[in-house]
């Protein structure tokens, strides 16, 4: 463009940049929904992951919540003190603790998820149902491509 500055309209944004913008916007909204309930977005994410897949280990939950193992240990301790989760020994390996939502944790998650459903509904309001499904499929493909083990 002969030294001229490109504007947002003339230069397509990188997809990775758009994904990051969306992540930050979603996180801000979820922060607002979780905070009145005494939770962080990361704690909400962990509780939601436990609802989807009960009985995860701390390491599994850390990967699914996008945090380090050390951060997850601190998060688990805080959630357990509040009575939102419980840990039990795995039957096949006594050193592995399986994490489950308590009834209180499930009730709290239900209340927050009403608000998260509203956030998601607002975010997707201008998309047709088939566009929403295509978006979800595309995001899963992109995630799978970037999280697969490297070739050796």
N, C-alpha and C. Protein backbone atom coordinates (compact mmCIF):
# COMPACT_ATOMS: atom_id res chain seq x y z
N UNK A 1 0.82 -1.19 0.00
CA UNK A 1 0.00 0.00 0.00
C UNK A 1 0.86 1.25 0.00
N UNK A 2 2.06 1.17 -0.51
CA UNK A 2 2.95 2.32 -0.66
C UNK A 2 3.13 3.12 0.61
N UNK A 3 3.43 2.46 1.69
CA UNK A 3 3.72 3.17 2.93
C UNK A 3 2.51 3.64 3.71
N UNK A 4 1.34 3.46 3.15
CA UNK A 4 0.14 3.88 3.86
C UNK A 4 -0.18 2.86 4.95
N UNK A 5 -0.80 3.32 6.01
CA UNK A 5 -1.21 2.41 7.08
C UNK A 5 -2.48 1.68 6.65
N UNK A 6 -2.49 0.40 6.96
CA UNK A 6 -3.68 -0.40 6.66
C UNK A 6 -4.70 -0.20 7.77
N UNK A 7 -5.94 -0.14 7.39
CA UNK A 7 -7.01 -0.01 8.39
C UNK A 7 -7.58 -1.39 8.68
N UNK A 8 -8.36 -1.46 9.73
CA UNK A 8 -8.98 -2.74 10.09
C UNK A 8 -9.84 -3.26 8.94
N UNK A 9 -10.48 -2.37 8.21
CA UNK A 9 -11.34 -2.79 7.12
C UNK A 9 -10.54 -3.29 5.92
N UNK A 10 -9.35 -2.73 5.67
CA UNK A 10 -8.59 -3.11 4.49
C UNK A 10 -7.68 -4.30 4.72
N UNK A 11 -7.38 -4.60 5.97
CA UNK A 11 -6.47 -5.70 6.27
C UNK A 11 -7.21 -6.78 7.06
N UNK A 12 -7.32 -7.95 6.48
CA UNK A 12 -8.00 -9.00 7.24
C UNK A 12 -7.19 -9.37 8.49
N UNK A 13 -7.89 -9.53 9.59
CA UNK A 13 -7.23 -9.90 10.84
C UNK A 13 -6.85 -11.37 10.80
N UNK A 14 -5.78 -11.69 11.46
CA UNK A 14 -5.40 -13.10 11.60
C UNK A 14 -6.49 -13.83 12.37
N UNK A 15 -6.77 -15.03 11.98
CA UNK A 15 -7.77 -15.83 12.68
C UNK A 15 -7.37 -16.01 14.14
N UNK A 16 -6.10 -16.25 14.41
CA UNK A 16 -5.64 -16.42 15.79
C UNK A 16 -5.93 -15.17 16.62
N UNK A 17 -5.80 -14.00 16.02
CA UNK A 17 -6.09 -12.74 16.71
C UNK A 17 -7.59 -12.65 17.03
N UNK A 18 -8.43 -13.03 16.07
CA UNK A 18 -9.88 -12.99 16.29
C UNK A 18 -10.30 -13.97 17.38
N UNK A 19 -9.67 -15.15 17.40
CA UNK A 19 -9.97 -16.14 18.43
C UNK A 19 -9.58 -15.58 19.80
N UNK A 20 -8.43 -14.93 19.88
CA UNK A 20 -7.98 -14.35 21.15
C UNK A 20 -8.93 -13.24 21.60
N UNK A 21 -9.37 -12.39 20.67
CA UNK A 21 -10.33 -11.34 21.02
C UNK A 21 -11.61 -11.94 21.59
N UNK A 22 -12.08 -13.00 20.94
CA UNK A 22 -13.28 -13.66 21.41
C UNK A 22 -13.06 -14.26 22.80
N UNK A 23 -11.92 -14.92 22.98
CA UNK A 23 -11.62 -15.52 24.28
C UNK A 23 -11.64 -14.47 25.39
N UNK A 24 -11.02 -13.33 25.14
CA UNK A 24 -10.98 -12.26 26.15
C UNK A 24 -12.38 -11.71 26.44
N UNK A 25 -13.19 -11.57 25.41
CA UNK A 25 -14.55 -11.06 25.60
C UNK A 25 -15.39 -12.07 26.39
N UNK A 26 -15.28 -13.34 26.03
CA UNK A 26 -16.03 -14.38 26.74
C UNK A 26 -15.58 -14.45 28.19
N UNK A 27 -14.27 -14.41 28.39
CA UNK A 27 -13.74 -14.49 29.76
C UNK A 27 -14.26 -13.32 30.62
N UNK A 28 -14.28 -12.13 30.07
CA UNK A 28 -14.77 -10.97 30.82
C UNK A 28 -16.23 -11.18 31.23
N UNK A 29 -17.04 -11.72 30.34
CA UNK A 29 -18.45 -11.95 30.66
C UNK A 29 -18.59 -13.07 31.70
N UNK A 30 -17.82 -14.14 31.53
CA UNK A 30 -17.90 -15.24 32.51
C UNK A 30 -17.38 -14.78 33.86
N UNK A 31 -16.33 -13.96 33.87
CA UNK A 31 -15.86 -13.38 35.14
C UNK A 31 -17.01 -12.66 35.84
N UNK A 32 -17.76 -11.88 35.09
CA UNK A 32 -18.89 -11.13 35.67
C UNK A 32 -19.99 -12.05 36.18
N UNK A 33 -20.18 -13.19 35.52
CA UNK A 33 -21.20 -14.14 35.96
C UNK A 33 -20.72 -14.95 37.17
N UNK A 34 -19.45 -15.31 37.22
CA UNK A 34 -18.92 -16.17 38.29
C UNK A 34 -18.60 -15.41 39.57
N UNK A 35 -18.13 -14.17 39.43
CA UNK A 35 -17.67 -13.40 40.59
C UNK A 35 -18.71 -13.25 41.70
N UNK A 36 -19.97 -12.94 41.39
CA UNK A 36 -20.96 -12.81 42.47
C UNK A 36 -21.18 -14.12 43.24
N UNK A 37 -20.78 -15.23 42.66
CA UNK A 37 -20.91 -16.53 43.31
C UNK A 37 -19.62 -16.94 44.01
N UNK A 38 -18.65 -16.02 44.05
CA UNK A 38 -17.39 -16.29 44.73
C UNK A 38 -16.44 -17.17 43.96
N UNK A 39 -16.60 -17.23 42.64
CA UNK A 39 -15.73 -18.06 41.80
C UNK A 39 -14.98 -17.22 40.79
N UNK A 40 -13.84 -17.74 40.36
CA UNK A 40 -13.12 -17.18 39.23
C UNK A 40 -13.56 -17.92 37.97
N UNK A 41 -13.19 -17.39 36.83
CA UNK A 41 -13.50 -18.08 35.58
C UNK A 41 -12.82 -19.44 35.56
N UNK A 42 -11.60 -19.54 36.05
CA UNK A 42 -10.89 -20.81 36.06
C UNK A 42 -11.59 -21.83 36.97
N UNK A 43 -12.08 -21.38 38.11
CA UNK A 43 -12.82 -22.29 38.99
C UNK A 43 -14.12 -22.74 38.32
N UNK A 44 -14.82 -21.81 37.69
CA UNK A 44 -16.03 -22.17 36.95
C UNK A 44 -15.69 -23.21 35.87
N UNK A 45 -14.61 -22.97 35.12
CA UNK A 45 -14.21 -23.89 34.05
C UNK A 45 -13.95 -25.29 34.60
N UNK A 46 -13.28 -25.36 35.75
CA UNK A 46 -12.99 -26.65 36.37
C UNK A 46 -14.29 -27.36 36.78
N UNK A 47 -15.21 -26.63 37.40
CA UNK A 47 -16.48 -27.23 37.81
C UNK A 47 -17.26 -27.72 36.59
N UNK A 48 -17.28 -26.92 35.54
CA UNK A 48 -17.99 -27.31 34.31
C UNK A 48 -17.34 -28.55 33.68
N UNK A 49 -16.02 -28.63 33.71
CA UNK A 49 -15.31 -29.79 33.17
C UNK A 49 -15.63 -31.04 34.00
N UNK A 50 -15.78 -30.88 35.31
CA UNK A 50 -16.14 -32.02 36.17
C UNK A 50 -17.56 -32.48 35.92
N UNK A 51 -18.44 -31.56 35.56
CA UNK A 51 -19.80 -31.97 35.23
C UNK A 51 -19.79 -32.79 33.94
N UNK A 52 -19.02 -32.34 32.96
CA UNK A 52 -18.96 -33.06 31.68
C UNK A 52 -18.31 -34.43 31.84
N UNK A 53 -17.22 -34.48 32.62
CA UNK A 53 -16.48 -35.73 32.80
C UNK A 53 -16.17 -35.89 34.28
N UNK A 54 -17.08 -36.51 35.03
CA UNK A 54 -16.85 -36.69 36.47
C UNK A 54 -15.69 -37.65 36.73
N UNK A 55 -15.05 -37.51 37.89
CA UNK A 55 -14.02 -38.44 38.30
C UNK A 55 -12.66 -38.22 37.68
N UNK A 56 -12.41 -37.03 37.19
CA UNK A 56 -11.11 -36.74 36.61
C UNK A 56 -10.05 -36.65 37.71
N UNK A 57 -8.82 -36.92 37.32
CA UNK A 57 -7.70 -36.68 38.23
C UNK A 57 -7.35 -35.20 38.16
N UNK A 58 -6.51 -34.76 39.08
CA UNK A 58 -6.07 -33.37 39.08
C UNK A 58 -5.35 -33.01 37.78
N UNK A 59 -4.52 -33.93 37.30
CA UNK A 59 -3.76 -33.67 36.06
C UNK A 59 -4.70 -33.53 34.87
N UNK A 60 -5.69 -34.41 34.79
CA UNK A 60 -6.66 -34.32 33.69
C UNK A 60 -7.44 -33.01 33.76
N UNK A 61 -7.85 -32.67 34.95
CA UNK A 61 -8.63 -31.44 35.14
C UNK A 61 -7.80 -30.20 34.80
N UNK A 62 -6.52 -30.23 35.14
CA UNK A 62 -5.63 -29.10 34.81
C UNK A 62 -5.58 -28.91 33.29
N UNK A 63 -5.41 -30.01 32.55
CA UNK A 63 -5.35 -29.91 31.08
C UNK A 63 -6.66 -29.37 30.52
N UNK A 64 -7.78 -29.83 31.05
CA UNK A 64 -9.09 -29.41 30.53
C UNK A 64 -9.48 -28.01 30.99
N UNK A 65 -8.80 -27.50 32.00
CA UNK A 65 -9.10 -26.16 32.51
C UNK A 65 -8.04 -25.14 32.07
N UNK A 66 -7.05 -25.60 31.32
CA UNK A 66 -6.03 -24.72 30.73
C UNK A 66 -5.14 -24.06 31.78
N UNK A 67 -4.79 -24.83 32.83
CA UNK A 67 -3.90 -24.30 33.86
C UNK A 67 -2.81 -25.33 34.17
N UNK A 68 -1.79 -24.89 34.88
CA UNK A 68 -0.70 -25.79 35.27
C UNK A 68 -1.19 -26.73 36.37
N UNK A 69 -0.45 -27.81 36.59
CA UNK A 69 -0.78 -28.77 37.65
C UNK A 69 -0.74 -28.09 39.01
N UNK A 70 0.24 -27.22 39.22
CA UNK A 70 0.36 -26.53 40.51
C UNK A 70 -0.83 -25.60 40.75
N UNK A 71 -1.21 -24.86 39.74
CA UNK A 71 -2.38 -23.97 39.86
C UNK A 71 -3.62 -24.79 40.15
N UNK A 72 -3.75 -25.95 39.49
CA UNK A 72 -4.93 -26.79 39.70
C UNK A 72 -4.96 -27.31 41.13
N UNK A 73 -3.82 -27.65 41.71
CA UNK A 73 -3.80 -28.13 43.10
C UNK A 73 -4.36 -27.06 44.04
N UNK A 74 -3.96 -25.81 43.82
CA UNK A 74 -4.46 -24.71 44.65
C UNK A 74 -5.95 -24.51 44.43
N UNK A 75 -6.37 -24.59 43.20
CA UNK A 75 -7.79 -24.42 42.85
C UNK A 75 -8.63 -25.53 43.49
N UNK A 76 -8.16 -26.76 43.42
CA UNK A 76 -8.88 -27.90 44.00
C UNK A 76 -9.01 -27.72 45.51
N UNK A 77 -7.93 -27.31 46.16
CA UNK A 77 -7.98 -27.12 47.61
C UNK A 77 -9.03 -26.08 47.98
N UNK A 78 -9.09 -24.99 47.23
CA UNK A 78 -10.07 -23.93 47.51
C UNK A 78 -11.50 -24.42 47.28
N UNK A 79 -11.72 -25.15 46.19
CA UNK A 79 -13.06 -25.66 45.89
C UNK A 79 -13.48 -26.72 46.91
N UNK A 80 -12.53 -27.52 47.36
CA UNK A 80 -12.83 -28.54 48.35
C UNK A 80 -13.17 -27.91 49.71
N UNK A 81 -12.43 -26.86 50.09
CA UNK A 81 -12.73 -26.15 51.35
C UNK A 81 -14.14 -25.59 51.34
N UNK A 82 -14.60 -25.15 50.18
CA UNK A 82 -15.95 -24.60 50.05
C UNK A 82 -17.02 -25.68 49.95
N UNK A 83 -16.60 -26.93 49.86
CA UNK A 83 -17.56 -28.02 49.76
C UNK A 83 -18.16 -28.19 48.38
N UNK A 84 -17.50 -27.65 47.35
CA UNK A 84 -18.03 -27.72 45.99
C UNK A 84 -17.58 -28.97 45.25
N UNK A 85 -16.47 -29.56 45.71
CA UNK A 85 -15.96 -30.80 45.12
C UNK A 85 -15.53 -31.74 46.24
N UNK A 86 -15.40 -33.01 45.90
CA UNK A 86 -14.88 -34.01 46.83
C UNK A 86 -13.90 -34.88 46.05
N UNK A 87 -12.89 -35.38 46.77
CA UNK A 87 -11.90 -36.28 46.15
C UNK A 87 -11.99 -37.65 46.81
N UNK A 88 -11.91 -38.66 45.96
CA UNK A 88 -11.90 -40.04 46.45
C UNK A 88 -10.77 -40.79 45.76
N UNK A 89 -10.26 -41.83 46.43
CA UNK A 89 -9.19 -42.63 45.83
C UNK A 89 -9.73 -43.43 44.66
N UNK A 90 -8.91 -43.51 43.62
CA UNK A 90 -9.27 -44.35 42.47
C UNK A 90 -9.17 -45.81 42.89
N UNK A 91 -10.11 -46.64 42.49
CA UNK A 91 -10.08 -48.04 42.91
C UNK A 91 -8.85 -48.80 42.41
N UNK A 92 -8.33 -48.41 41.27
CA UNK A 92 -7.21 -49.15 40.67
C UNK A 92 -5.84 -48.60 41.07
N UNK A 93 -5.79 -47.37 41.61
CA UNK A 93 -4.52 -46.77 41.99
C UNK A 93 -4.79 -45.82 43.16
N UNK A 94 -4.42 -46.24 44.34
CA UNK A 94 -4.72 -45.48 45.56
C UNK A 94 -4.02 -44.12 45.60
N UNK A 95 -3.01 -43.92 44.76
CA UNK A 95 -2.32 -42.62 44.74
C UNK A 95 -3.06 -41.59 43.91
N UNK A 96 -3.98 -42.04 43.08
CA UNK A 96 -4.74 -41.14 42.21
C UNK A 96 -6.05 -40.79 42.91
N UNK A 97 -6.31 -39.50 43.01
CA UNK A 97 -7.58 -39.04 43.59
C UNK A 97 -8.50 -38.60 42.47
N UNK A 98 -9.71 -39.12 42.48
CA UNK A 98 -10.73 -38.74 41.51
C UNK A 98 -11.57 -37.62 42.10
N UNK A 99 -11.88 -36.64 41.27
CA UNK A 99 -12.58 -35.44 41.74
C UNK A 99 -14.01 -35.46 41.19
N UNK A 100 -14.95 -35.13 42.06
CA UNK A 100 -16.37 -35.10 41.70
C UNK A 100 -17.00 -33.83 42.26
N UNK A 101 -18.02 -33.35 41.57
CA UNK A 101 -18.83 -32.26 42.12
C UNK A 101 -19.63 -32.78 43.31
N UNK A 102 -19.77 -31.98 44.32
CA UNK A 102 -20.71 -32.30 45.40
C UNK A 102 -22.08 -31.77 44.97
N UNK A 103 -23.11 -32.11 45.73
CA UNK A 103 -24.44 -31.58 45.42
C UNK A 103 -24.42 -30.05 45.48
N UNK A 104 -23.70 -29.51 46.47
CA UNK A 104 -23.60 -28.05 46.57
C UNK A 104 -22.89 -27.46 45.36
N UNK A 105 -21.83 -28.13 44.90
CA UNK A 105 -21.11 -27.67 43.72
C UNK A 105 -21.98 -27.71 42.47
N UNK A 106 -22.78 -28.76 42.34
CA UNK A 106 -23.69 -28.87 41.19
C UNK A 106 -24.75 -27.78 41.21
N UNK A 107 -25.27 -27.48 42.40
CA UNK A 107 -26.29 -26.42 42.50
C UNK A 107 -25.70 -25.06 42.13
N UNK A 108 -24.49 -24.78 42.62
CA UNK A 108 -23.83 -23.51 42.30
C UNK A 108 -23.57 -23.42 40.80
N UNK A 109 -23.08 -24.51 40.23
CA UNK A 109 -22.82 -24.53 38.79
C UNK A 109 -24.09 -24.31 38.00
N UNK A 110 -25.20 -24.89 38.44
CA UNK A 110 -26.49 -24.68 37.76
C UNK A 110 -26.82 -23.19 37.70
N UNK A 111 -26.62 -22.49 38.82
CA UNK A 111 -26.96 -21.05 38.86
C UNK A 111 -26.08 -20.25 37.91
N UNK A 112 -24.79 -20.55 37.89
CA UNK A 112 -23.88 -19.81 37.01
C UNK A 112 -24.15 -20.14 35.55
N UNK A 113 -24.46 -21.40 35.27
CA UNK A 113 -24.65 -21.80 33.88
C UNK A 113 -25.88 -21.16 33.25
N UNK A 114 -26.85 -20.76 34.04
CA UNK A 114 -27.98 -20.00 33.50
C UNK A 114 -27.44 -18.71 32.88
N UNK A 115 -26.53 -18.06 33.59
CA UNK A 115 -25.93 -16.81 33.09
C UNK A 115 -25.00 -17.08 31.91
N UNK A 116 -24.24 -18.16 31.96
CA UNK A 116 -23.33 -18.49 30.86
C UNK A 116 -24.14 -18.85 29.62
N UNK A 117 -25.26 -19.51 29.79
CA UNK A 117 -26.15 -19.79 28.65
C UNK A 117 -26.59 -18.48 27.99
N UNK A 118 -26.93 -17.48 28.82
CA UNK A 118 -27.33 -16.17 28.28
C UNK A 118 -26.18 -15.52 27.50
N UNK A 119 -24.97 -15.63 28.04
CA UNK A 119 -23.79 -15.07 27.36
C UNK A 119 -23.62 -15.73 26.01
N UNK A 120 -23.70 -17.05 25.99
CA UNK A 120 -23.51 -17.76 24.74
C UNK A 120 -24.63 -17.46 23.75
N UNK A 121 -25.84 -17.39 24.24
CA UNK A 121 -26.98 -17.07 23.37
C UNK A 121 -26.79 -15.69 22.72
N UNK A 122 -26.34 -14.71 23.52
CA UNK A 122 -26.09 -13.37 23.00
C UNK A 122 -24.96 -13.39 21.98
N UNK A 123 -23.89 -14.11 22.28
CA UNK A 123 -22.74 -14.18 21.39
C UNK A 123 -23.12 -14.76 20.02
N UNK A 124 -24.01 -15.73 20.02
CA UNK A 124 -24.35 -16.45 18.79
C UNK A 124 -25.64 -15.97 18.13
N UNK A 125 -26.24 -14.91 18.66
CA UNK A 125 -27.57 -14.47 18.24
C UNK A 125 -27.71 -14.19 16.75
N UNK A 126 -26.66 -13.73 16.12
CA UNK A 126 -26.77 -13.37 14.70
C UNK A 126 -26.41 -14.52 13.77
N UNK A 127 -26.15 -15.69 14.33
CA UNK A 127 -25.81 -16.85 13.51
C UNK A 127 -27.00 -17.81 13.44
N UNK A 128 -27.19 -18.39 12.28
CA UNK A 128 -28.22 -19.42 12.11
C UNK A 128 -27.74 -20.70 12.81
N UNK A 129 -28.67 -21.57 13.20
CA UNK A 129 -28.27 -22.81 13.90
C UNK A 129 -27.21 -23.62 13.14
N UNK A 130 -27.33 -23.69 11.83
CA UNK A 130 -26.32 -24.46 11.07
C UNK A 130 -24.96 -23.75 11.10
N UNK A 131 -24.95 -22.43 11.18
CA UNK A 131 -23.68 -21.70 11.30
C UNK A 131 -23.04 -21.96 12.67
N UNK A 132 -23.87 -22.04 13.70
CA UNK A 132 -23.36 -22.34 15.04
C UNK A 132 -22.71 -23.72 15.05
N UNK A 133 -23.37 -24.70 14.46
CA UNK A 133 -22.82 -26.06 14.42
C UNK A 133 -21.53 -26.09 13.60
N UNK A 134 -21.49 -25.37 12.50
CA UNK A 134 -20.27 -25.33 11.68
C UNK A 134 -19.15 -24.64 12.45
N UNK A 135 -19.46 -23.59 13.17
CA UNK A 135 -18.45 -22.91 13.99
C UNK A 135 -17.88 -23.87 15.02
N UNK A 136 -18.75 -24.60 15.71
CA UNK A 136 -18.29 -25.56 16.73
C UNK A 136 -17.41 -26.64 16.10
N UNK A 137 -17.84 -27.17 14.96
CA UNK A 137 -17.02 -28.19 14.28
C UNK A 137 -15.66 -27.61 13.89
N UNK A 138 -15.67 -26.42 13.35
CA UNK A 138 -14.42 -25.79 12.92
C UNK A 138 -13.48 -25.53 14.10
N UNK A 139 -14.04 -25.06 15.21
CA UNK A 139 -13.21 -24.82 16.39
C UNK A 139 -12.61 -26.12 16.92
N UNK A 140 -13.40 -27.19 16.91
CA UNK A 140 -12.88 -28.49 17.35
C UNK A 140 -11.74 -28.97 16.45
N UNK A 141 -11.90 -28.81 15.14
CA UNK A 141 -10.84 -29.21 14.20
C UNK A 141 -9.58 -28.40 14.46
N UNK A 142 -9.71 -27.10 14.61
CA UNK A 142 -8.55 -26.24 14.86
C UNK A 142 -7.85 -26.63 16.16
N UNK A 143 -8.64 -26.88 17.19
CA UNK A 143 -8.07 -27.28 18.48
C UNK A 143 -7.34 -28.61 18.35
N UNK A 144 -7.97 -29.57 17.70
CA UNK A 144 -7.35 -30.89 17.52
C UNK A 144 -6.03 -30.77 16.77
N UNK A 145 -6.01 -29.93 15.74
CA UNK A 145 -4.78 -29.77 14.95
C UNK A 145 -3.63 -29.21 15.79
N UNK A 146 -3.95 -28.32 16.70
CA UNK A 146 -2.89 -27.69 17.49
C UNK A 146 -2.57 -28.44 18.78
N UNK A 147 -3.37 -29.43 19.13
CA UNK A 147 -3.09 -30.16 20.36
C UNK A 147 -2.65 -31.60 20.11
N UNK A 148 -2.56 -31.99 18.86
CA UNK A 148 -2.10 -33.36 18.58
C UNK A 148 -0.60 -33.45 18.89
N UNK A 149 -0.14 -34.63 19.25
CA UNK A 149 1.29 -34.78 19.55
C UNK A 149 2.13 -34.48 18.32
N UNK A 150 3.31 -33.89 18.53
CA UNK A 150 4.18 -33.59 17.37
C UNK A 150 4.68 -34.88 16.73
N UNK A 151 4.88 -34.81 15.42
CA UNK A 151 5.41 -35.98 14.69
C UNK A 151 6.90 -36.11 14.96
N UNK A 152 7.34 -37.33 15.09
CA UNK A 152 8.79 -37.55 15.32
C UNK A 152 9.43 -38.22 14.15
